[in-house]
Amino acid sequence: EAVSQLAGQVRHLDVEIVASVTRAVEMLNAGSVDCPDDMCIVYSNSNRGYYLLYRRGKREVALARLGVPEQHLYTGLVLTVGGYRCKVTEALGTGSFGTVWAADCLEGGLGCEVAIKEILCSSSSELALAAFEGKILEMIQGHARACGSSSRPNADRNTNALDGRDPLDRIPDLVGTDTHSCGSEQWRVRLAMTRVPGISLDRFLEVRRSCYGSSGSSGIVPVQQQGTQRFVEACSLARDLILQLAPTFEHISKLSYHRDVNSHNILVDGDVSSPVFGLVDFGLAVDLTRWQGPVGPQSWHLVDIGGDCRYWPMSAWLQFECGWQELSKYPPLSIEYQTQLDFHALGITALQIVAALSPPASEDDTNSLAPQFMSLQIAWDQYWSNVTHFWQRLLDVFRTGGDQTALKMKCINDGVHNTVGADLAALRAAIRDAYNACNTAGPEANLRQFCPLFAALLELVSAGGTVGFRENQRPPDWQGVYQLVAASESCMNIQGMQTEMTHAVPELHSQPRFLTPFSQRSTMISA
């Protein structure tokens, strides 16, 4: 069958040229036989069968010529996903699931660059989760078409985007999927999606920080070290993030929650003066109707918690430690977990920008920034230090296959959810003080323009169920977030209110009645 398939494409070496398969392999690797395709077909008299031989290092190419699914993608590979023929160009990044690759779409009518995500599954439940990522992107596309939008980026979409740009251009479109059985209870799922341009936000911040203090001799324009200038730049970038992605989340939230919003899954194209943000990796997304439904394998009660725990609200920690039955005892926390994961994570990501690009509290000239802004940096440093320590614990257990139940009991006994809740309450209070400081800053300080940013952060960041610019008057929504962050400073005339933690969760020292181990597929501890 293989000979028939490759007839006329691959050279067939007859017995007059080589006497054995072993000799043919030696000649092929030595280059002493002319095989332009780096492979050939030979007949084995002893085994009475044909062999496809390939030159050393060309196994994947040979398998691809036979149509046998290769186990790994690599640069230069040409493959078909969902009817689209693509050529892999480079690796984009690696997560707990595997590697995402960039590829050029060669035919099929798309004519653009795509990202191919490969997921290896070892159970039917993992297969369903992998397939759902493609399904949720299809659902979002279908919703866009129902609203009169094109299903492809860069088309002439007719949408009601709040900032004049189609919000769905900021997320990938599904191009095609391919699922292959690799044996008993083993599958490989490939998702081809339009590539969202840019680099990860965490990498962008790292590069930008390296520019501070540059002499300019390397060709990088030096950034002024004066504290106010850096703070203004940081706040501008954080505000752009919320301005651009709030309308995108408005679309997504009608169908799904992303559940893995963080600085690694947000991409930035352009520079700090004109950034374009995108959102990727819907691998932990949930179907909203099932998430909010009765107790079941796809409802909030039983779906494994996932994502980077540094971006979790307090309720997510309690859910991780004890499960939904314990969480349900605290209605504000239960509502926070069910509805506000993406709000909170975007708020923490925006604060990460402010903290990363502002001058460190220990280095700043005390005359360059108001004390309230330095207090915000200190509150952030305390929060980030604690959650990074907790994250490292989870990461170690995840990587080594350690005792998950023991990890949860350790978190309970250490009062992790209470520590996170208290840190977030302090962070909200510092955000409120920063808002008030902007509201009273002189025009020459150029800080009043950031009143909308801190108002939006109060709408996003939750502390044990305490949330909102107008605290706890209504649950946050993406239209409200956008309206706050897009307002001019002259509209921000509401005086700041003190933030207090009104819904404290008591420390748990005894064995909880409900513990569910997190799975390695759906709990992603980002490195």
Protein backbone atom coordinates (compact mmCIF):
# COMPACT_ATOMS: atom_id res chain seq x y z
CA GLU A 1 0.00 0.00 0.00
CA ALA A 2 2.84 2.38 0.88
CA VAL A 3 4.66 1.55 -2.37
CA SER A 4 1.51 2.32 -4.33
CA GLN A 5 0.98 5.56 -2.40
CA LEU A 6 4.54 6.78 -2.95
CA ALA A 7 5.01 5.44 -6.49
CA GLY A 8 6.67 8.05 -8.62
CA GLN A 9 7.46 10.22 -5.59
CA VAL A 10 10.17 8.29 -3.74
CA ARG A 11 13.02 6.35 -5.35
CA HIS A 12 12.64 2.55 -5.32
CA LEU A 13 16.03 0.79 -4.95
CA ASP A 14 15.97 -2.67 -6.52
CA VAL A 15 18.17 -5.63 -5.62
CA GLU A 16 20.65 -4.75 -8.35
CA ILE A 17 21.65 -1.63 -6.37
CA VAL A 18 21.48 -2.90 -2.78
CA ALA A 19 21.59 -6.45 -1.52
CA SER A 20 19.97 -5.87 1.87
CA VAL A 21 17.93 -3.39 3.88
CA THR A 22 20.85 -2.88 6.27
CA ARG A 23 23.15 -1.97 3.40
CA ALA A 24 20.53 0.41 2.00
CA VAL A 25 20.33 2.27 5.35
CA GLU A 26 24.13 2.64 5.42
CA MET A 27 24.24 3.98 1.86
CA LEU A 28 21.35 6.37 2.45
CA ASN A 29 22.96 7.91 5.54
CA ALA A 30 26.34 8.09 3.85
CA GLY A 31 24.86 9.86 0.84
CA SER A 32 26.34 7.29 -1.54
CA VAL A 33 22.99 6.64 -3.16
CA ASP A 34 21.03 9.37 -4.93
CA CYS A 35 17.73 9.92 -3.03
CA PRO A 36 16.67 13.56 -3.44
CA ASP A 37 13.78 13.15 -0.98
CA ASP A 38 16.07 11.76 1.76
CA MET A 39 14.11 8.50 1.65
CA CYS A 40 13.72 5.43 -0.49
CA ILE A 41 11.83 2.15 -0.76
CA VAL A 42 13.60 -1.22 -0.66
CA TYR A 43 12.43 -4.83 -0.74
CA SER A 44 13.49 -7.32 1.94
CA ASN A 45 13.84 -10.88 0.63
CA SER A 46 14.04 -12.31 4.15
CA ASN A 47 10.86 -10.60 5.36
CA ARG A 48 9.13 -10.61 1.99
CA GLY A 49 8.03 -7.01 2.36
CA TYR A 50 8.81 -3.43 1.39
CA TYR A 51 10.46 -0.90 3.72
CA LEU A 52 10.38 2.89 3.58
CA LEU A 53 13.83 4.05 4.64
CA TYR A 54 14.67 7.63 5.59
CA ARG A 55 17.93 9.45 6.12
CA ARG A 56 18.93 10.13 9.75
CA GLY A 57 16.88 13.03 11.15
CA LYS A 58 14.13 12.74 8.51
CA ARG A 59 11.71 10.42 10.32
CA GLU A 60 8.95 12.99 10.73
CA VAL A 61 9.13 13.96 7.06
CA ALA A 62 8.87 10.30 6.02
CA LEU A 63 5.86 9.71 8.25
CA ALA A 64 4.19 12.81 6.87
CA ARG A 65 4.68 11.55 3.28
CA LEU A 66 2.92 8.34 4.30
CA GLY A 67 0.11 10.24 5.94
CA VAL A 68 1.01 8.76 9.34
CA PRO A 69 0.31 11.34 12.06
CA GLU A 70 3.62 12.53 13.49
CA GLN A 71 3.94 12.75 17.27
CA HIS A 72 5.54 16.18 17.36
CA LEU A 73 5.42 19.34 15.31
CA TYR A 74 8.66 20.91 14.12
CA THR A 75 9.81 23.83 12.01
CA GLY A 76 9.33 23.15 8.31
CA LEU A 77 6.66 20.48 8.73
CA VAL A 78 3.75 20.72 6.28
CA LEU A 79 0.49 19.32 7.64
CA THR A 80 -3.24 19.63 7.22
CA VAL A 81 -5.53 20.74 10.05
CA GLY A 82 -9.25 21.05 9.47
CA GLY A 83 -8.81 21.06 5.70
CA TYR A 84 -6.17 23.79 5.73
CA ARG A 85 -2.64 22.95 4.59
CA CYS A 86 -0.09 24.68 6.82
CA LYS A 87 3.68 24.95 7.09
CA VAL A 88 5.09 25.24 10.62
CA THR A 89 7.46 28.21 11.00
CA GLU A 90 8.42 28.54 14.68
CA ALA A 91 7.52 27.63 18.25
CA LEU A 92 5.51 30.35 20.00
CA GLY A 93 5.40 29.07 23.56
CA THR A 94 4.94 26.11 25.84
CA GLY A 95 2.38 25.43 28.55
CA SER A 96 1.25 22.49 30.67
CA PHE A 97 -0.47 20.99 27.61
CA GLY A 98 2.48 21.17 25.19
CA THR A 99 3.73 23.68 22.61
CA VAL A 100 1.96 26.22 20.40
CA TRP A 101 3.49 26.68 16.94
CA ALA A 102 3.19 29.40 14.34
CA ALA A 103 2.44 28.27 10.78
CA ASP A 104 1.69 29.77 7.39
CA CYS A 105 -1.61 28.71 5.87
CA LEU A 106 -0.64 27.56 2.35
CA GLU A 107 -4.03 26.77 0.92
CA GLY A 108 -7.69 26.50 1.82
CA GLY A 109 -8.65 30.11 1.19
CA LEU A 110 -7.49 31.60 4.51
CA GLY A 111 -4.20 33.14 3.40
CA CYS A 112 -2.86 34.15 6.82
CA GLU A 113 -0.62 33.06 9.65
CA VAL A 114 -2.08 30.63 12.14
CA ALA A 115 -1.20 29.24 15.56
CA ILE A 116 -1.40 25.47 16.00
CA LYS A 117 -1.94 24.13 19.50
CA GLU A 118 -1.30 20.43 20.09
CA ILE A 119 -2.87 18.70 23.12
CA LEU A 120 -2.13 15.10 24.06
CA CYS A 121 -4.98 13.47 25.98
CA SER A 122 -4.88 10.30 28.08
CA SER A 123 -8.57 10.01 28.99
CA SER A 124 -11.94 10.68 27.43
CA SER A 125 -12.51 13.54 29.87
CA GLU A 126 -9.24 15.19 28.79
CA LEU A 127 -10.28 14.71 25.16
CA ALA A 128 -13.58 16.48 25.85
CA LEU A 129 -11.76 19.36 27.53
CA ALA A 130 -9.34 19.74 24.64
CA ALA A 131 -12.14 19.69 22.08
CA PHE A 132 -14.09 22.28 24.06
CA GLU A 133 -11.46 24.95 23.46
CA GLY A 134 -12.24 24.76 19.75
CA LYS A 135 -15.96 24.64 20.46
CA ILE A 136 -15.92 27.78 22.58
CA LEU A 137 -14.12 29.72 19.84
CA GLU A 138 -16.78 28.50 17.39
CA MET A 139 -19.49 29.65 19.81
CA ILE A 140 -17.94 33.12 19.97
CA GLN A 141 -17.69 33.26 16.17
CA GLY A 142 -21.32 32.19 15.88
CA HIS A 143 -22.35 34.92 18.29
CA ALA A 144 -20.35 37.44 16.25
CA ARG A 145 -22.13 36.39 13.05
CA ALA A 146 -25.48 36.64 14.79
CA CYS A 147 -24.55 40.22 15.71
CA GLY A 148 -23.63 40.99 12.11
CA SER A 149 -19.87 40.48 12.44
CA SER A 150 -17.59 38.58 10.12
CA SER A 151 -16.11 35.38 11.50
CA ARG A 152 -12.64 36.29 10.31
CA PRO A 153 -10.30 39.03 11.51
CA ASN A 154 -9.35 41.98 9.30
CA ALA A 155 -12.71 41.77 7.54
CA ASP A 156 -15.07 44.71 7.25
CA ARG A 157 -17.02 43.92 10.39
CA ASN A 158 -20.11 45.89 11.30
CA THR A 159 -20.05 45.84 15.09
CA ASN A 160 -20.84 48.04 18.03
CA ALA A 161 -17.31 48.02 19.42
CA LEU A 162 -17.10 50.67 22.11
CA ASP A 163 -13.66 51.93 21.04
CA GLY A 164 -14.17 51.68 17.26
CA ARG A 165 -12.18 48.44 16.92
CA ASP A 166 -13.92 45.08 16.72
CA PRO A 167 -13.38 43.48 20.14
CA LEU A 168 -13.24 40.02 18.58
CA ASP A 169 -10.14 40.95 16.59
CA ARG A 170 -8.31 40.66 19.91
CA ILE A 171 -8.89 36.91 20.30
CA PRO A 172 -8.11 34.00 17.97
CA ASP A 173 -10.61 32.66 15.46
CA LEU A 174 -10.84 28.91 15.03
CA VAL A 175 -9.53 27.75 11.67
CA GLY A 176 -9.87 24.00 12.03
CA THR A 177 -9.38 21.01 14.31
CA ASP A 178 -7.86 17.56 13.94
CA THR A 179 -8.28 14.67 16.40
CA HIS A 180 -6.31 11.45 16.04
CA SER A 181 -6.41 8.29 18.14
CA CYS A 182 -2.88 7.29 19.16
CA GLY A 183 -3.81 4.02 20.85
CA SER A 184 -5.90 2.83 23.75
CA GLU A 185 -7.17 5.89 25.67
CA GLN A 186 -4.66 8.13 23.89
CA TRP A 187 -5.57 11.01 21.58
CA ARG A 188 -3.88 13.96 19.96
CA VAL A 189 -5.94 17.10 19.36
CA ARG A 190 -4.68 19.92 17.17
CA LEU A 191 -6.37 23.29 17.04
CA ALA A 192 -5.47 25.73 14.27
CA MET A 193 -6.37 29.32 15.08
CA THR A 194 -5.66 32.69 13.56
CA ARG A 195 -2.54 34.05 15.19
CA VAL A 196 -2.98 37.02 17.54
CA PRO A 197 0.09 39.24 17.03
CA GLY A 198 2.42 40.29 19.81
CA ILE A 199 4.47 38.96 22.69
CA SER A 200 3.24 37.99 26.14
CA LEU A 201 2.61 40.89 28.50
CA ASP A 202 5.01 39.53 31.11
CA ARG A 203 7.79 39.44 28.50
CA PHE A 204 6.80 42.94 27.29
CA LEU A 205 7.11 44.29 30.85
CA GLU A 206 10.47 42.59 31.29
CA VAL A 207 11.80 44.20 28.11
CA ARG A 208 10.40 47.60 29.03
CA ARG A 209 11.94 47.51 32.50
CA SER A 210 15.32 46.75 30.94
CA CYS A 211 15.07 50.07 29.07
CA TYR A 212 14.97 52.13 32.26
CA GLY A 213 18.33 53.73 32.81
CA SER A 214 19.61 52.89 29.32
CA SER A 215 22.25 55.29 28.09
CA GLY A 216 20.86 55.14 24.60
CA SER A 217 24.18 53.89 23.18
CA SER A 218 22.52 50.61 22.22
CA GLY A 219 19.94 52.40 20.13
CA ILE A 220 17.22 52.23 22.81
CA VAL A 221 15.78 55.62 23.68
CA PRO A 222 16.60 56.23 27.36
CA VAL A 223 13.64 56.39 29.73
CA GLN A 224 13.63 59.12 32.34
CA GLN A 225 14.18 57.83 35.84
CA GLN A 226 12.06 60.52 37.49
CA GLY A 227 9.32 58.76 39.45
CA THR A 228 6.31 60.66 38.11
CA GLN A 229 7.26 60.01 34.48
CA ARG A 230 7.50 56.28 35.06
CA PHE A 231 4.27 56.23 37.04
CA VAL A 232 2.44 58.09 34.26
CA GLU A 233 3.70 55.60 31.67
CA ALA A 234 2.69 52.63 33.84
CA CYS A 235 -0.80 53.98 34.44
CA SER A 236 -1.28 54.80 30.75
CA LEU A 237 -0.42 51.24 29.74
CA ALA A 238 -2.69 49.74 32.42
CA ARG A 239 -5.54 51.97 31.31
CA ASP A 240 -5.04 50.95 27.67
CA LEU A 241 -5.22 47.30 28.71
CA ILE A 242 -8.63 47.72 30.33
CA LEU A 243 -9.93 50.05 27.61
CA GLN A 244 -9.11 47.53 24.90
CA LEU A 245 -10.05 44.25 26.56
CA ALA A 246 -13.22 45.23 28.46
CA PRO A 247 -15.29 45.23 25.21
CA THR A 248 -13.75 41.87 24.28
CA PHE A 249 -14.76 40.38 27.63
CA GLU A 250 -18.22 41.88 27.15
CA HIS A 251 -18.62 39.60 24.11
CA ILE A 252 -17.00 36.57 25.69
CA SER A 253 -18.97 36.81 28.94
CA LYS A 254 -22.27 36.26 27.15
CA LEU A 255 -21.13 32.70 26.41
CA SER A 256 -18.16 31.78 28.55
CA TYR A 257 -15.65 32.62 31.26
CA HIS A 258 -11.98 32.47 30.28
CA ARG A 259 -10.69 31.51 33.79
CA ASP A 260 -7.02 31.92 32.92
CA VAL A 261 -6.51 35.66 32.49
CA ASN A 262 -2.94 36.63 33.37
CA SER A 263 0.11 38.40 31.97
CA HIS A 264 1.21 35.29 30.07
CA ASN A 265 -2.07 34.86 28.18
CA ILE A 266 -2.39 38.54 27.26
CA LEU A 267 -0.32 39.58 24.23
CA VAL A 268 1.00 43.04 23.36
CA ASP A 269 1.77 44.22 19.85
CA GLY A 270 3.38 47.60 19.23
CA ASP A 271 5.19 49.72 21.79
CA VAL A 272 4.35 51.37 25.09
CA SER A 273 2.98 54.47 23.36
CA SER A 274 0.59 52.59 21.05
CA PRO A 275 0.02 49.07 22.43
CA VAL A 276 -2.48 46.64 20.95
CA PHE A 277 -3.61 43.96 23.42
CA GLY A 278 -4.92 40.49 22.65
CA LEU A 279 -6.21 37.55 24.69
CA VAL A 280 -5.25 33.92 23.98
CA ASP A 281 -5.46 30.39 25.44
CA PHE A 282 -9.07 29.42 26.05
CA GLY A 283 -7.99 25.99 27.31
CA LEU A 284 -9.67 26.45 30.70
CA ALA A 285 -12.76 28.30 29.46
CA VAL A 286 -16.20 27.11 30.56
CA ASP A 287 -19.63 27.14 28.97
CA LEU A 288 -21.55 29.78 30.91
CA THR A 289 -24.90 27.98 30.86
CA ARG A 290 -23.41 24.80 32.31
CA TRP A 291 -21.10 26.63 34.70
CA GLN A 292 -24.09 28.40 36.24
CA GLY A 293 -26.35 25.34 36.12
CA PRO A 294 -27.18 22.73 38.76
CA VAL A 295 -24.50 20.58 40.35
CA GLY A 296 -22.81 18.55 37.63
CA PRO A 297 -19.42 17.77 36.07
CA GLN A 298 -19.44 21.07 34.10
CA SER A 299 -20.90 23.36 36.77
CA TRP A 300 -18.87 25.66 39.00
CA HIS A 301 -19.34 23.24 41.87
CA LEU A 302 -17.28 20.41 40.35
CA VAL A 303 -15.17 21.83 37.52
CA ASP A 304 -11.53 21.70 38.63
CA ILE A 305 -10.17 25.07 39.55
CA GLY A 306 -7.54 26.25 37.10
CA GLY A 307 -5.22 29.00 36.04
CA ASP A 308 -2.39 30.88 37.70
CA CYS A 309 -3.23 31.12 41.42
CA ARG A 310 -1.49 34.50 41.72
CA TYR A 311 -4.52 35.95 39.93
CA TRP A 312 -7.15 34.12 42.01
CA PRO A 313 -9.57 36.00 44.26
CA MET A 314 -10.04 34.87 47.86
CA SER A 315 -13.00 32.68 46.95
CA ALA A 316 -10.94 30.64 44.49
CA TRP A 317 -8.51 29.75 47.28
CA LEU A 318 -11.37 28.58 49.50
CA GLN A 319 -12.81 26.55 46.62
CA PHE A 320 -9.39 25.00 46.04
CA GLU A 321 -8.89 24.16 49.70
CA CYS A 322 -12.34 22.91 50.67
CA GLY A 323 -14.68 22.68 47.70
CA TRP A 324 -18.05 24.14 46.85
CA GLN A 325 -19.94 22.99 49.92
CA GLU A 326 -17.72 25.04 52.21
CA LEU A 327 -17.63 27.97 49.79
CA SER A 328 -21.45 28.01 49.63
CA LYS A 329 -21.59 28.89 53.34
CA TYR A 330 -20.35 32.38 52.42
CA PRO A 331 -22.72 33.86 49.79
CA PRO A 332 -20.54 36.89 48.86
CA LEU A 333 -17.57 34.59 48.25
CA SER A 334 -19.70 32.09 46.36
CA ILE A 335 -20.97 34.84 44.05
CA GLU A 336 -17.42 36.14 43.62
CA TYR A 337 -16.21 32.72 42.50
CA GLN A 338 -19.16 32.07 40.20
CA THR A 339 -19.16 35.42 38.39
CA GLN A 340 -16.03 37.53 38.96
CA LEU A 341 -12.97 35.40 38.14
CA ASP A 342 -12.19 37.20 34.87
CA PHE A 343 -12.92 40.66 36.31
CA HIS A 344 -10.57 40.10 39.22
CA ALA A 345 -7.79 38.57 37.12
CA LEU A 346 -7.83 41.44 34.62
CA GLY A 347 -7.66 43.91 37.52
CA ILE A 348 -4.68 42.11 39.05
CA THR A 349 -2.98 42.06 35.64
CA ALA A 350 -3.50 45.82 35.26
CA LEU A 351 -2.07 46.38 38.74
CA GLN A 352 0.89 44.20 37.77
CA ILE A 353 1.62 46.66 34.95
CA VAL A 354 1.47 49.63 37.33
CA ALA A 355 3.74 47.89 39.84
CA ALA A 356 6.22 46.56 37.27
CA LEU A 357 6.82 49.89 35.52
CA SER A 358 6.56 52.28 38.48
CA PRO A 359 9.68 53.06 40.49
CA PRO A 360 10.16 50.61 43.39
CA ALA A 361 9.14 52.05 46.76
CA SER A 362 12.65 51.50 48.09
CA GLU A 363 14.30 53.49 45.29
CA ASP A 364 11.92 56.33 44.58
CA ASP A 365 12.72 59.92 45.37
CA THR A 366 10.19 60.72 48.09
CA ASN A 367 9.46 64.08 46.49
CA SER A 368 8.56 62.68 43.06
CA LEU A 369 5.38 60.77 43.96
CA ALA A 370 2.60 61.28 46.48
CA PRO A 371 2.76 58.94 49.50
CA GLN A 372 -0.49 57.28 48.38
CA PHE A 373 1.17 55.94 45.24
CA MET A 374 4.09 54.57 47.18
CA SER A 375 1.60 52.95 49.58
CA LEU A 376 -0.04 51.27 46.59
CA GLN A 377 3.34 49.86 45.55
CA ILE A 378 3.96 48.59 49.09
CA ALA A 379 0.51 46.95 49.26
CA TRP A 380 1.15 45.30 45.89
CA ASP A 381 4.57 44.05 46.94
CA GLN A 382 3.05 42.44 50.04
CA TYR A 383 0.28 40.78 48.04
CA TRP A 384 2.55 39.58 45.23
CA SER A 385 5.18 38.24 47.62
CA ASN A 386 2.61 36.14 49.49
CA VAL A 387 0.78 34.75 46.47
CA THR A 388 4.05 33.97 44.70
CA HIS A 389 5.09 31.91 47.72
CA PHE A 390 1.77 30.02 47.62
CA TRP A 391 2.05 29.61 43.85
CA GLN A 392 5.48 28.05 44.24
CA ARG A 393 4.01 25.47 46.60
CA LEU A 394 1.38 24.49 44.08
CA LEU A 395 3.91 24.46 41.26
CA ASP A 396 6.22 22.12 43.17
CA VAL A 397 3.41 19.63 43.87
CA PHE A 398 2.18 19.85 40.30
CA ARG A 399 5.61 19.20 38.80
CA THR A 400 6.56 16.35 41.14
CA GLY A 401 3.19 14.60 41.38
CA GLY A 402 3.12 15.28 45.13
CA ASP A 403 0.33 14.77 47.66
CA GLN A 404 -2.43 17.18 46.68
CA THR A 405 -4.56 16.52 49.74
CA ALA A 406 -1.61 17.29 52.01
CA LEU A 407 -1.05 20.50 50.06
CA LYS A 408 -4.63 21.57 50.61
CA MET A 409 -4.47 20.81 54.32
CA LYS A 410 -1.26 22.85 54.53
CA CYS A 411 -3.03 25.79 52.87
CA ILE A 412 -5.98 25.46 55.26
CA ASN A 413 -3.80 25.27 58.36
CA ASP A 414 -1.75 28.26 57.20
CA GLY A 415 -4.92 30.26 56.53
CA VAL A 416 -3.93 30.98 52.95
CA HIS A 417 -7.39 32.17 51.90
CA ASN A 418 -7.47 34.58 54.88
CA THR A 419 -4.00 35.91 54.07
CA VAL A 420 -4.98 36.50 50.43
CA GLY A 421 -8.25 38.12 51.51
CA ALA A 422 -6.50 40.49 53.91
CA ASP A 423 -3.86 41.40 51.31
CA LEU A 424 -6.55 42.11 48.72
CA ALA A 425 -8.47 44.27 51.20
CA ALA A 426 -5.29 46.28 51.82
CA LEU A 427 -4.74 46.52 48.08
CA ARG A 428 -8.27 47.83 47.49
CA ALA A 429 -7.77 50.43 50.22
CA ALA A 430 -4.52 51.53 48.56
CA ILE A 431 -6.28 51.76 45.17
CA ARG A 432 -8.95 53.96 46.76
CA ASP A 433 -6.27 56.21 48.27
CA ALA A 434 -4.51 56.41 44.89
CA TYR A 435 -7.80 57.44 43.29
CA ASN A 436 -8.25 60.21 45.87
CA ALA A 437 -4.65 61.35 45.37
CA CYS A 438 -5.24 61.64 41.61
CA ASN A 439 -8.45 63.51 42.29
CA THR A 440 -6.60 66.17 44.29
CA ALA A 441 -3.32 66.29 42.37
CA GLY A 442 -2.46 69.58 40.71
CA PRO A 443 -2.90 69.79 36.93
CA GLU A 444 0.85 70.08 36.49
CA ALA A 445 1.36 66.59 37.89
CA ASN A 446 -0.66 65.13 34.99
CA LEU A 447 -2.21 62.56 37.31
CA ARG A 448 -5.89 63.52 37.29
CA GLN A 449 -6.17 61.67 33.99
CA PHE A 450 -5.76 58.41 35.90
CA CYS A 451 -8.79 58.80 38.16
CA PRO A 452 -10.71 56.62 35.64
CA LEU A 453 -8.04 53.91 35.85
CA PHE A 454 -8.24 53.59 39.64
CA ALA A 455 -12.03 53.75 39.54
CA ALA A 456 -12.03 50.84 37.06
CA LEU A 457 -9.56 48.90 39.22
CA LEU A 458 -11.95 49.21 42.15
CA GLU A 459 -14.67 47.83 39.89
CA LEU A 460 -12.47 44.87 38.93
CA VAL A 461 -10.49 43.81 41.99
CA SER A 462 -12.48 41.95 44.62
CA ALA A 463 -11.55 41.33 48.25
CA GLY A 464 -13.61 38.55 49.79
CA GLY A 465 -16.72 39.65 47.93
CA THR A 466 -16.16 43.38 48.49
CA VAL A 467 -16.08 44.89 45.03
CA GLY A 468 -17.04 47.92 42.99
CA PHE A 469 -16.20 51.60 42.71
CA ARG A 470 -19.44 52.21 44.57
CA GLU A 471 -18.80 49.36 46.95
CA ASN A 472 -21.21 46.43 46.85
CA GLN A 473 -24.04 48.43 45.30
CA ARG A 474 -24.15 46.12 42.28
CA PRO A 475 -22.08 43.33 40.76
CA PRO A 476 -19.49 44.44 38.21
CA ASP A 477 -20.23 44.24 34.49
CA TRP A 478 -17.99 44.88 31.52
CA GLN A 479 -20.00 47.83 30.21
CA GLY A 480 -19.63 49.49 33.60
CA VAL A 481 -15.90 48.80 33.69
CA TYR A 482 -15.47 50.32 30.26
CA GLN A 483 -17.55 53.38 31.11
CA LEU A 484 -15.43 54.04 34.19
CA VAL A 485 -12.04 53.62 32.50
CA ALA A 486 -13.10 55.58 29.40
CA ALA A 487 -14.47 58.54 31.35
CA SER A 488 -12.66 61.86 31.32
CA GLU A 489 -11.22 62.96 34.67
CA SER A 490 -13.78 65.77 34.84
CA CYS A 491 -16.51 63.15 35.14
CA MET A 492 -14.86 61.45 38.11
CA ASN A 493 -16.45 63.55 40.82
CA ILE A 494 -17.38 60.81 43.28
CA GLN A 495 -15.32 61.11 46.43
CA GLY A 496 -13.37 58.06 47.56
CA MET A 497 -14.81 55.73 50.16
CA GLN A 498 -12.91 53.73 52.72
CA THR A 499 -12.60 50.06 51.87
CA GLU A 500 -13.19 47.50 54.57
CA MET A 501 -13.26 43.73 54.47
CA THR A 502 -16.82 42.97 55.47
CA HIS A 503 -17.00 39.26 54.60
CA ALA A 504 -14.24 37.43 56.44
CA VAL A 505 -13.93 33.68 56.18
CA PRO A 506 -12.90 31.98 59.44
CA GLU A 507 -9.70 29.98 59.51
CA LEU A 508 -10.12 26.25 59.01
CA HIS A 509 -7.94 23.95 61.09
CA SER A 510 -9.89 20.69 60.97
CA GLN A 511 -10.26 18.23 58.10
CA PRO A 512 -12.84 19.72 55.71
CA ARG A 513 -15.71 17.50 54.70
CA PHE A 514 -15.14 17.91 50.97
CA LEU A 515 -11.78 17.73 49.28
CA THR A 516 -11.31 17.22 45.55
CA PRO A 517 -7.81 16.82 44.08
CA PHE A 518 -6.99 19.05 41.15
CA SER A 519 -6.15 17.33 37.91
CA GLN A 520 -2.93 17.88 36.00
CA ARG A 521 -4.89 18.75 32.87
CA SER A 522 -7.25 21.39 34.17
CA THR A 523 -5.24 22.96 36.97
CA MET A 524 -2.51 24.86 35.17
CA ILE A 525 0.15 26.29 37.41
CA SER A 526 1.94 28.73 35.14
CA ALA A 527 5.70 28.84 35.40
